[in-house]
Structure formats: structure tokens, C-alpha cells
C-alpha atoms as a PDB file:
ATOM      1  CA  MET A   1     -41.831 156.252  97.915  1.00  0.00           C
ATOM      2  CA  THR A   2     -39.253 154.707 100.112  1.00  0.00           C
ATOM      3  CA  LYS A   3     -38.547 150.878 100.421  1.00  0.00           C
ATOM      4  CA  ARG A   4     -39.813 150.831 103.791  1.00  0.00           C
ATOM      5  CA  THR A   5     -43.133 152.816 102.927  1.00  0.00           C
ATOM      6  CA  ILE A   6     -43.575 150.063 100.371  1.00  0.00           C
ATOM      7  CA  ILE A   7     -43.221 147.233 102.808  1.00  0.00           C
ATOM      8  CA  LEU A   8     -45.455 148.820 105.300  1.00  0.00           C
ATOM      9  CA  ALA A   9     -48.166 149.405 102.722  1.00  0.00           C
ATOM     10  CA  THR A  10     -47.995 145.861 101.571  1.00  0.00           C
ATOM     11  CA  ILE A  11     -48.539 144.661 105.046  1.00  0.00           C
ATOM     12  CA  ILE A  12     -51.524 146.858 105.618  1.00  0.00           C
ATOM     13  CA  ILE A  13     -52.976 145.388 102.411  1.00  0.00           C
ATOM     14  CA  PHE A  14     -52.553 141.747 103.533  1.00  0.00           C
ATOM     15  CA  ILE A  15     -53.873 142.710 107.016  1.00  0.00           C
ATOM     16  CA  LEU A  16     -57.053 144.372 105.528  1.00  0.00           C
ATOM     17  CA  GLY A  17     -57.506 141.588 102.888  1.00  0.00           C
ATOM     18  CA  GLY A  18     -57.409 138.940 105.606  1.00  0.00           C
ATOM     19  CA  LEU A  19     -59.840 140.842 107.899  1.00  0.00           C
ATOM     20  CA  GLY A  20     -62.254 141.099 104.761  1.00  0.00           C
ATOM     21  CA  LEU A  21     -62.101 137.287 104.222  1.00  0.00           C
ATOM     22  CA  ILE A  22     -62.900 136.377 108.031  1.00  0.00           C
ATOM     23  CA  LEU A  23     -65.729 138.893 107.929  1.00  0.00           C
ATOM     24  CA  TYR A  24     -66.974 137.375 104.797  1.00  0.00           C
ATOM     25  CA  GLY A  25     -66.666 133.763 106.018  1.00  0.00           C
ATOM     26  CA  GLN A  26     -68.487 134.616 109.152  1.00  0.00           C
ATOM     27  CA  PHE A  27     -71.297 136.231 107.165  1.00  0.00           C
ATOM     28  CA  PHE A  28     -71.781 133.523 104.860  1.00  0.00           C
ATOM     29  CA  SER A  29     -71.201 130.289 106.908  1.00  0.00           C
ATOM     30  CA  GLY A  30     -73.641 131.172 109.796  1.00  0.00           C
ATOM     31  CA  ASN A  31     -71.097 131.213 112.309  1.00  0.00           C
ATOM     32  CA  GLY A  32     -71.527 134.940 113.254  1.00  0.00           C
ATOM     33  CA  ASN A  33     -74.400 136.244 115.397  1.00  0.00           C
ATOM     34  CA  GLY A  34     -78.312 135.589 114.753  1.00  0.00           C
ATOM     35  CA  GLN A  35     -78.793 137.243 111.637  1.00  0.00           C
ATOM     36  CA  GLU A  36     -76.140 135.259 109.816  1.00  0.00           C
ATOM     37  CA  LEU A  37     -78.018 132.014 110.632  1.00  0.00           C
ATOM     38  CA  GLY A  38     -80.851 132.653 108.203  1.00  0.00           C
ATOM     39  CA  ARG A  39     -84.098 131.460 109.450  1.00  0.00           C
ATOM     40  CA  LEU A  40     -82.721 129.979 112.437  1.00  0.00           C
ATOM     41  CA  GLY A  41     -81.122 133.324 113.402  1.00  0.00           C
ATOM     42  CA  GLU A  42     -84.422 135.174 113.047  1.00  0.00           C
ATOM     43  CA  ILE A  43     -86.113 132.508 115.117  1.00  0.00           C
ATOM     44  CA  LYS A  44     -83.436 133.060 118.018  1.00  0.00           C
ATOM     45  CA  LYS A  45     -83.608 136.731 117.613  1.00  0.00           C
ATOM     46  CA  ARG A  46     -87.396 137.001 118.108  1.00  0.00           C
ATOM     47  CA  GLY A  47     -87.408 134.259 120.783  1.00  0.00           C
ATOM     48  CA  GLU A  48     -90.133 132.421 119.096  1.00  0.00           C
ATOM     49  CA  ILE A  49     -90.723 129.717 116.487  1.00  0.00           C
ATOM     50  CA  ILE A  50     -93.888 130.153 114.186  1.00  0.00           C
ATOM     51  CA  ILE A  51     -95.487 126.815 113.288  1.00  0.00           C
ATOM     52  CA  GLY A  52     -98.112 126.342 110.684  1.00  0.00           C
ATOM     53  CA  THR A  53    -100.434 123.101 111.037  1.00  0.00           C
ATOM     54  CA  ASP A  54    -104.032 122.380 110.051  1.00  0.00           C
ATOM     55  CA  ALA A  55    -105.381 121.610 113.315  1.00  0.00           C
ATOM     56  CA  THR A  56    -108.388 119.435 112.015  1.00  0.00           C
ATOM     57  CA  TYR A  57    -106.478 116.140 112.126  1.00  0.00           C
ATOM     58  CA  PRO A  58    -106.700 114.558 115.709  1.00  0.00           C
ATOM     59  CA  PRO A  59    -104.938 112.827 117.063  1.00  0.00           C
ATOM     60  CA  MET A  60    -101.807 114.426 115.237  1.00  0.00           C
ATOM     61  CA  GLU A  61    -103.215 118.134 115.675  1.00  0.00           C
ATOM     62  CA  SER A  62    -106.508 119.772 116.772  1.00  0.00           C
ATOM     63  CA  LEU A  63    -107.798 122.157 119.033  1.00  0.00           C
ATOM     64  CA  ASP A  64    -109.056 121.156 122.427  1.00  0.00           C
ATOM     65  CA  GLU A  65    -111.983 122.702 124.189  1.00  0.00           C
ATOM     66  CA  GLN A  66    -110.064 125.660 125.485  1.00  0.00           C
ATOM     67  CA  GLY A  67    -108.997 126.406 121.895  1.00  0.00           C
ATOM     68  CA  ASN A  68    -105.418 125.161 122.650  1.00  0.00           C
ATOM     69  CA  PHE A  69    -103.282 123.304 119.983  1.00  0.00           C
ATOM     70  CA  SER A  70    -102.914 119.745 120.885  1.00  0.00           C
ATOM     71  CA  GLY A  71    -101.811 116.493 119.502  1.00  0.00           C
ATOM     72  CA  MET A  72     -98.890 114.097 118.632  1.00  0.00           C
ATOM     73  CA  ASP A  73     -97.246 116.694 116.317  1.00  0.00           C
ATOM     74  CA  ILE A  74     -97.706 119.419 118.819  1.00  0.00           C
ATOM     75  CA  ASP A  75     -95.837 117.829 121.278  1.00  0.00           C
ATOM     76  CA  ILE A  76     -92.927 117.092 119.061  1.00  0.00           C
ATOM     77  CA  ILE A  77     -92.626 120.462 117.922  1.00  0.00           C
ATOM     78  CA  LYS A  78     -92.745 121.815 121.454  1.00  0.00           C
ATOM     79  CA  GLU A  79     -89.798 119.614 122.066  1.00  0.00           C
ATOM     80  CA  ILE A  80     -88.053 121.174 119.294  1.00  0.00           C
ATOM     81  CA  ALA A  81     -88.744 124.649 120.429  1.00  0.00           C
ATOM     82  CA  SER A  82     -87.491 123.685 123.963  1.00  0.00           C
ATOM     83  CA  ASP A  83     -84.190 122.614 122.557  1.00  0.00           C
ATOM     84  CA  LEU A  84     -83.952 125.877 120.675  1.00  0.00           C
ATOM     85  CA  GLY A  85     -84.751 127.994 123.818  1.00  0.00           C
ATOM     86  CA  VAL A  86     -87.627 129.771 122.332  1.00  0.00           C
ATOM     87  CA  GLU A  87     -91.291 129.885 122.657  1.00  0.00           C
ATOM     88  CA  VAL A  88     -93.959 128.471 120.198  1.00  0.00           C
ATOM     89  CA  LYS A  89     -96.534 130.257 118.316  1.00  0.00           C
ATOM     90  CA  PHE A  90     -98.969 128.360 116.285  1.00  0.00           C
ATOM     91  CA  LYS A  91    -100.822 129.288 113.141  1.00  0.00           C
ATOM     92  CA  ASN A  92    -103.896 127.342 112.100  1.00  0.00           C
ATOM     93  CA  VAL A  93    -103.555 126.987 108.251  1.00  0.00           C
ATOM     94  CA  ILE A  94    -105.800 125.315 106.125  1.00  0.00           C
ATOM     95  CA  TRP A  95    -104.178 122.279 104.145  1.00  0.00           C
ATOM     96  CA  GLU A  96    -104.461 123.719 100.776  1.00  0.00           C
ATOM     97  CA  GLU A  97    -102.366 126.615 101.760  1.00  0.00           C
ATOM     98  CA  ILE A  98     -99.913 124.977 104.311  1.00  0.00           C
ATOM     99  CA  PHE A  99     -97.111 124.465 101.940  1.00  0.00           C
ATOM    100  CA  ASN A 100     -97.314 128.183 100.466  1.00  0.00           C
ATOM    101  CA  ALA A 101     -97.277 129.267 104.056  1.00  0.00           C
ATOM    102  CA  VAL A 102     -93.741 127.967 104.606  1.00  0.00           C
ATOM    103  CA  LYS A 103     -92.400 128.695 100.964  1.00  0.00           C
ATOM    104  CA  ASN A 104     -93.649 132.353 101.410  1.00  0.00           C
ATOM    105  CA  GLY A 105     -92.168 132.784 104.979  1.00  0.00           C
ATOM    106  CA  GLU A 106     -95.525 133.324 106.642  1.00  0.00           C
ATOM    107  CA  VAL A 107     -94.503 130.469 109.112  1.00  0.00           C
ATOM    108  CA  ASP A 108     -91.030 128.996 109.914  1.00  0.00           C
ATOM    109  CA  VAL A 109     -91.913 125.406 109.854  1.00  0.00           C
ATOM    110  CA  ILE A 110     -94.764 123.400 109.086  1.00  0.00           C
ATOM    111  CA  ILE A 111     -95.896 120.050 110.892  1.00  0.00           C
ATOM    112  CA  SER A 112     -99.153 118.526 110.142  1.00  0.00           C
ATOM    113  CA  ALA A 113     -98.950 114.791 109.292  1.00  0.00           C
ATOM    114  CA  ILE A 114     -97.203 115.713 106.338  1.00  0.00           C
ATOM    115  CA  THR A 115     -95.998 112.629 104.284  1.00  0.00           C
ATOM    116  CA  ILE A 116     -92.482 112.927 102.792  1.00  0.00           C
ATOM    117  CA  THR A 117     -92.934 112.441  98.775  1.00  0.00           C
ATOM    118  CA  GLN A 118     -90.447 112.778  96.096  1.00  0.00           C
ATOM    119  CA  GLU A 119     -92.645 115.688  94.630  1.00  0.00           C
ATOM    120  CA  ARG A 120     -92.645 117.597  97.935  1.00  0.00           C
ATOM    121  CA  THR A 121     -88.972 117.302  98.696  1.00  0.00           C
ATOM    122  CA  GLU A 122     -88.284 119.206  95.294  1.00  0.00           C
ATOM    123  CA  THR A 123     -89.604 122.503  96.726  1.00  0.00           C
ATOM    124  CA  LEU A 124     -89.176 121.984 100.395  1.00  0.00           C
ATOM    125  CA  ALA A 125     -86.428 120.536 102.765  1.00  0.00           C
ATOM    126  CA  PHE A 126     -87.723 117.682 105.112  1.00  0.00           C
ATOM    127  CA  SER A 127     -86.578 116.396 108.484  1.00  0.00           C
ATOM    128  CA  ASP A 128     -85.665 112.775 109.402  1.00  0.00           C
ATOM    129  CA  PRO A 129     -89.032 110.895 109.286  1.00  0.00           C
ATOM    130  CA  TYR A 130     -90.573 110.802 112.889  1.00  0.00           C
ATOM    131  CA  PHE A 131     -93.251 108.447 112.311  1.00  0.00           C
ATOM    132  CA  ASN A 132     -94.446 105.670 109.833  1.00  0.00           C
ATOM    133  CA  ALA A 133     -98.167 106.134 109.044  1.00  0.00           C
ATOM    134  CA  GLY A 134     -99.798 104.173 106.328  1.00  0.00           C
ATOM    135  CA  GLN A 135    -103.184 104.421 104.596  1.00  0.00           C
ATOM    136  CA  VAL A 136    -106.398 102.580 105.954  1.00  0.00           C
ATOM    137  CA  ILE A 137    -109.924 102.482 105.118  1.00  0.00           C
ATOM    138  CA  VAL A 138    -112.515 103.736 107.587  1.00  0.00           C
ATOM    139  CA  SER A 139    -116.241 102.741 106.968  1.00  0.00           C
ATOM    140  CA  THR A 140    -119.440 102.162 108.994  1.00  0.00           C
ATOM    141  CA  LYS A 141    -119.579  98.805 110.795  1.00  0.00           C
ATOM    142  CA  ASP A 142    -122.342  97.574 108.195  1.00  0.00           C
ATOM    143  CA  LYS A 143    -119.621  97.126 105.751  1.00  0.00           C
ATOM    144  CA  GLU A 144    -117.429  95.023 107.776  1.00  0.00           C
ATOM    145  CA  GLY A 145    -116.737  91.833 105.603  1.00  0.00           C
ATOM    146  CA  VAL A 146    -117.609  93.621 102.404  1.00  0.00           C
ATOM    147  CA  ILE A 147    -114.797  96.423 102.417  1.00  0.00           C
ATOM    148  CA  ASN A 148    -111.506  94.911 103.918  1.00  0.00           C
ATOM    149  CA  ARG A 149    -108.921  95.963 101.477  1.00  0.00           C
ATOM    150  CA  PRO A 150    -108.343  98.872  98.913  1.00  0.00           C
ATOM    151  CA  GLU A 151    -109.100  96.428  95.892  1.00  0.00           C
ATOM    152  CA  ASP A 152    -112.536  96.318  97.374  1.00  0.00           C
ATOM    153  CA  LEU A 153    -113.453  99.773  96.721  1.00  0.00           C
ATOM    154  CA  GLY A 154    -114.439  99.399  93.304  1.00  0.00           C
ATOM    155  CA  GLY A 155    -117.995 100.792  92.590  1.00  0.00           C
ATOM    156  CA  TYR A 156    -118.094 102.486  96.219  1.00  0.00           C
ATOM    157  CA  ARG A 157    -118.110 106.333  96.892  1.00  0.00           C
ATOM    158  CA  VAL A 158    -114.777 107.083  98.502  1.00  0.00           C
ATOM    159  CA  GLY A 159    -113.680 110.234 100.527  1.00  0.00           C
ATOM    160  CA  ALA A 160    -110.280 111.728 101.342  1.00  0.00           C
ATOM    161  CA  GLN A 161    -108.676 115.077 102.001  1.00  0.00           C
ATOM    162  CA  VAL A 162    -107.874 117.171  99.012  1.00  0.00           C
ATOM    163  CA  GLY A 163    -104.381 117.190  97.985  1.00  0.00           C
ATOM    164  CA  THR A 164    -103.148 114.325 100.084  1.00  0.00           C
ATOM    165  CA  THR A 165    -101.638 110.960  99.432  1.00  0.00           C
ATOM    166  CA  SER A 166    -105.107 109.515 100.783  1.00  0.00           C
ATOM    167  CA  GLU A 167    -106.726 111.180  97.764  1.00  0.00           C
ATOM    168  CA  GLU A 168    -104.231 109.923  95.491  1.00  0.00           C
ATOM    169  CA  GLU A 169    -104.950 106.104  96.927  1.00  0.00           C
ATOM    170  CA  ALA A 170    -108.600 106.934  96.690  1.00  0.00           C
ATOM    171  CA  ARG A 171    -108.300 107.614  92.832  1.00  0.00           C
ATOM    172  CA  LYS A 172    -106.102 104.548  92.369  1.00  0.00           C
ATOM    173  CA  TYR A 173    -108.411 102.059  93.637  1.00  0.00           C
ATOM    174  CA  THR A 174    -111.969 103.498  92.474  1.00  0.00           C
ATOM    175  CA  ASN A 175    -112.928 102.236  89.044  1.00  0.00           C
ATOM    176  CA  ASP A 176    -114.606 105.583  88.501  1.00  0.00           C
ATOM    177  CA  LEU A 177    -113.284 108.843  89.546  1.00  0.00           C
ATOM    178  CA  SER A 178    -116.608 110.484  89.751  1.00  0.00           C
ATOM    179  CA  LEU A 179    -117.057 108.244  92.909  1.00  0.00           C
ATOM    180  CA  VAL A 180    -114.033 110.027  94.525  1.00  0.00           C
ATOM    181  CA  SER A 181    -114.994 113.081  96.920  1.00  0.00           C
ATOM    182  CA  ALA A 182    -112.019 115.362  97.922  1.00  0.00           C
ATOM    183  CA  TYR A 183    -112.903 117.391 101.165  1.00  0.00           C
ATOM    184  CA  GLU A 184    -111.089 120.269 102.783  1.00  0.00           C
ATOM    185  CA  ASN A 185    -110.983 118.389 105.968  1.00  0.00           C
ATOM    186  CA  TYR A 186    -111.644 114.997 107.436  1.00  0.00           C
ATOM    187  CA  ASP A 187    -114.484 116.192 109.685  1.00  0.00           C
ATOM    188  CA  LEU A 188    -116.577 117.031 106.525  1.00  0.00           C
ATOM    189  CA  ALA A 189    -115.763 113.569 105.229  1.00  0.00           C
ATOM    190  CA  LYS A 190    -116.827 111.920 108.449  1.00  0.00           C
ATOM    191  CA  GLU A 191    -120.000 113.672 108.391  1.00  0.00           C
ATOM    192  CA  ASP A 192    -120.782 112.523 104.818  1.00  0.00           C
ATOM    193  CA  LEU A 193    -119.891 109.024 105.681  1.00  0.00           C
ATOM    194  CA  LEU A 194    -122.185 108.903 108.863  1.00  0.00           C
ATOM    195  CA  GLU A 195    -124.996 110.273 106.612  1.00  0.00           C
ATOM    196  CA  GLY A 196    -124.526 107.664 104.045  1.00  0.00           C
ATOM    197  CA  LYS A 197    -123.396 109.999 101.312  1.00  0.00           C
ATOM    198  CA  ILE A 198    -120.108 108.020 100.819  1.00  0.00           C
ATOM    199  CA  ASP A 199    -119.164 104.465 101.648  1.00  0.00           C
ATOM    200  CA  ALA A 200    -115.620 104.726 102.841  1.00  0.00           C
ATOM    201  CA  ILE A 201    -112.735 107.124 103.764  1.00  0.00           C
ATOM    202  CA  ILE A 202    -109.079 106.721 103.099  1.00  0.00           C
ATOM    203  CA  ILE A 203    -107.051 108.144 105.876  1.00  0.00           C
ATOM    204  CA  ASP A 204    -103.655 107.894 107.705  1.00  0.00           C
ATOM    205  CA  TYR A 205    -103.689 105.373 110.432  1.00  0.00           C
ATOM    206  CA  PRO A 206    -103.152 107.615 113.359  1.00  0.00           C
ATOM    207  CA  ALA A 207    -106.082 110.022 112.254  1.00  0.00           C
ATOM    208  CA  ALA A 208    -108.233 106.991 111.714  1.00  0.00           C
ATOM    209  CA  VAL A 209    -107.679 105.691 115.321  1.00  0.00           C
ATOM    210  CA  GLY A 210    -108.602 109.180 116.519  1.00  0.00           C
ATOM    211  CA  MET A 211    -111.937 109.047 114.283  1.00  0.00           C
ATOM    212  CA  THR A 212    -113.047 105.753 115.200  1.00  0.00           C
ATOM    213  CA  ALA A 213    -112.375 106.416 118.686  1.00  0.00           C
ATOM    214  CA  LYS A 214    -114.782 109.510 118.789  1.00  0.00           C
ATOM    215  CA  ASP A 215    -117.540 107.687 116.564  1.00  0.00           C
ATOM    216  CA  LYS A 216    -118.272 104.179 117.663  1.00  0.00           C
ATOM    217  CA  GLY A 217    -120.325 103.542 114.525  1.00  0.00           C
ATOM    218  CA  LEU A 218    -117.048 103.721 112.568  1.00  0.00           C
ATOM    219  CA  GLN A 219    -114.342 101.347 112.267  1.00  0.00           C
ATOM    220  CA  ILE A 220    -111.059 100.544 110.489  1.00  0.00           C
ATOM    221  CA  MET A 221    -111.440  98.041 107.836  1.00  0.00           C
ATOM    222  CA  GLY A 222    -108.523  95.710 107.427  1.00  0.00           C
ATOM    223  CA  ASP A 223    -104.797  96.444 107.600  1.00  0.00           C
ATOM    224  CA  ILE A 224    -102.635  99.302 106.757  1.00  0.00           C
ATOM    225  CA  PHE A 225    -101.955  98.837 103.081  1.00  0.00           C
ATOM    226  CA  THR A 226     -99.267 101.685 102.351  1.00  0.00           C
ATOM    227  CA  GLN A 227     -95.973 102.717 104.141  1.00  0.00           C
ATOM    228  CA  GLU A 228     -95.966 106.480 104.525  1.00  0.00           C
ATOM    229  CA  PHE A 229     -93.254 108.589 106.728  1.00  0.00           C
ATOM    230  CA  TYR A 230     -94.170 111.778 108.253  1.00  0.00           C
ATOM    231  CA  GLY A 231     -91.702 114.685 108.232  1.00  0.00           C
ATOM    232  CA  ILE A 232     -91.408 118.254 109.444  1.00  0.00           C
ATOM    233  CA  ALA A 233     -91.000 120.710 106.427  1.00  0.00           C
ATOM    234  CA  ILE A 234     -89.080 124.078 106.131  1.00  0.00           C
ATOM    235  CA  GLN A 235     -87.786 126.183 103.206  1.00  0.00           C
ATOM    236  CA  LYS A 236     -85.252 124.324 101.026  1.00  0.00           C
ATOM    237  CA  ASP A 237     -82.180 126.630 101.846  1.00  0.00           C
ATOM    238  CA  GLN A 238     -82.411 126.631 105.571  1.00  0.00           C
ATOM    239  CA  GLN A 239     -79.877 123.879 106.573  1.00  0.00           C
ATOM    240  CA  GLU A 240     -79.003 125.208 109.992  1.00  0.00           C
ATOM    241  CA  LEU A 241     -82.604 125.162 111.050  1.00  0.00           C
ATOM    242  CA  LEU A 242     -82.962 121.678 109.710  1.00  0.00           C
ATOM    243  CA  LEU A 243     -80.066 120.509 111.436  1.00  0.00           C
ATOM    244  CA  GLN A 244     -81.342 121.588 114.849  1.00  0.00           C
ATOM    245  CA  ILE A 245     -84.774 119.997 114.090  1.00  0.00           C
ATOM    246  CA  ASN A 246     -83.061 116.739 113.270  1.00  0.00           C
ATOM    247  CA  LYS A 247     -81.029 116.899 116.286  1.00  0.00           C
ATOM    248  CA  THR A 248     -84.207 117.076 118.449  1.00  0.00           C
ATOM    249  CA  ILE A 249     -85.873 114.276 116.583  1.00  0.00           C
ATOM    250  CA  ARG A 250     -82.926 111.961 116.976  1.00  0.00           C
ATOM    251  CA  ARG A 251     -82.797 112.784 120.792  1.00  0.00           C
ATOM    252  CA  LEU A 252     -86.388 111.767 121.144  1.00  0.00           C
ATOM    253  CA  LYS A 253     -85.867 108.576 119.273  1.00  0.00           C
ATOM    254  CA  ARG A 254     -82.765 107.714 121.237  1.00  0.00           C
ATOM    255  CA  GLU A 255     -84.126 108.413 124.750  1.00  0.00           C
ATOM    256  CA  GLY A 256     -87.410 106.674 123.802  1.00  0.00           C
ATOM    257  CA  GLU A 257     -89.343 109.790 124.344  1.00  0.00           C
ATOM    258  CA  LEU A 258     -90.620 109.746 120.661  1.00  0.00           C
ATOM    259  CA  LYS A 259     -92.189 106.287 121.369  1.00  0.00           C
ATOM    260  CA  LYS A 260     -93.832 107.743 124.669  1.00  0.00           C
ATOM    261  CA  ILE A 261     -95.447 110.649 122.612  1.00  0.00           C
ATOM    262  CA  GLU A 262     -96.855 107.855 120.118  1.00  0.00           C
ATOM    263  CA  GLU A 263     -98.414 105.845 122.828  1.00  0.00           C
ATOM    264  CA  LYS A 264     -99.907 108.932 124.660  1.00  0.00           C
ATOM    265  CA  TRP A 265    -101.850 109.686 121.412  1.00  0.00           C
ATOM    266  CA  LEU A 266    -102.466 106.615 119.695  1.00  0.00           C
ATOM    267  CA  SER A 267    -103.660 104.728 122.609  1.00  0.00           C
ATOM    268  CA  GLN A 268    -106.669 107.074 123.008  1.00  0.00           C
END
């Protein structure tokens, strides 16, 4: 092999090696085309983002008379989809299955009045908080002056949705855990409250507003007694998608649009 041949072979090796590094970087850094961007790439490729929500929680998310998804969370996720340039497909998922739905890839995103907690952040990635929703007590009007704060709940039958921070608060403040009833959704809890089977419900403030607006025999007792922040959850390793979600949330805050969405749904 001549000296010239050796030099040419060395140059070719360097060129091929450099090309390989470039392709490797594009594939794993998410700077190539759709599929290299993980879940975000899949969303853009199909032209649709699949949203999981438990549509039993007005005014955050529910089904209207025509069967369409509506609510504060629904408006927010539509803004995110618009910024991504894709359509929205909603899947109604019961609360007990909602976290597994996103972990298993059945949906791309879950938004369902989900409180950001330390435990949940261990297995899911959460967006910036988009709403501060504390817990309140809802009861019948005959309990006014009797139940005003969580410390008054001792000895009373209390309902909450299963697997929520509301259920945790109910168990914290009742002096007998057998008095706590956990429901699949708040419609069932409300029915039992109106029928006198339980004495009070612990629920997030926005949902309490919706509940008491529809049923005039119910009212919010006392003040908000916790601070809880709602976030949008996705699979933990999908940072490109999380970045885009946060970009929209920050835009909505900056432009005052998030406040308008809150007022639209919480003033009803």
C-alpha cells in the first residue's frame, strides 16, 4: 500500500466517522424529523394529540348536552394543541385508571384537575402549575354554622373521590375512618349528600363552585383550607413535549388569557 493510499484511506475513515456522529446526534437529540422527537414527534406525525380526562368534574371537565367535552381544562388543552398545530382527540378515562393511561401510552397527555404531588412526580412529568385550587367543604344548607372548617368534621360522614387529595384530607380530619366514603366520581357523592347518606363532601374549590351552582340546596362551608396546584401530566422521559406544553401555559399567563379562561368557567 502506497503512502498516498494510506492517506486517502485515513481521510475516508475520518469522513465516515464524522458523518456517523452527526447522524447519531440528530437521532438522539431530537433535532431530526418527527420520529426522533419521541412522543412529540408521534403527535405531529399523526396530526393529533390524544388527551385523557375524567369528564365528571365540572367546571374543569365534563360532557355537555351534545356529548362534547367542555370545561376549563378542555379550553387550556385546546390552546396547547393549537400551538402545536394539531387536532385534539379526547378519551374519557375514569379517575382510577387515568395515571396508567398515560404511563402505558394509551393517551399522550392527561389533564383532569390533577394536583401536583411529590408522589405523582416520582412516576410522571408535570407541567408548570396552571391553577391554584384548594380544598373546601360542601354540605347542605342546614349545616351552616355547624360545619365551617375541617376541624368540625369529627363525627360526621364525609365523602370524597377515591384516590384524590380530597380523600386524604377527609381521612385526616374525621375521627373515625369508617365515616369516610370514597366515590368513583363526585356525582355519586353529591347524590348521597342530597339523600342524607353523608353529611359533607371535601372537594377542590373549582368543582365545588360548579356543584353548588347546579344544586341550590348545597353550599360551600367556610374557606379554602389547602393550597393545591393543578398540572398537566405526561410520561416522565418526554421533555420535548413538556417544553411545548409549558411554552403555551406561560404564553396564556403572560397574555392574560389564562385568567380569562378561569373567569369564564368559575363565574358560572
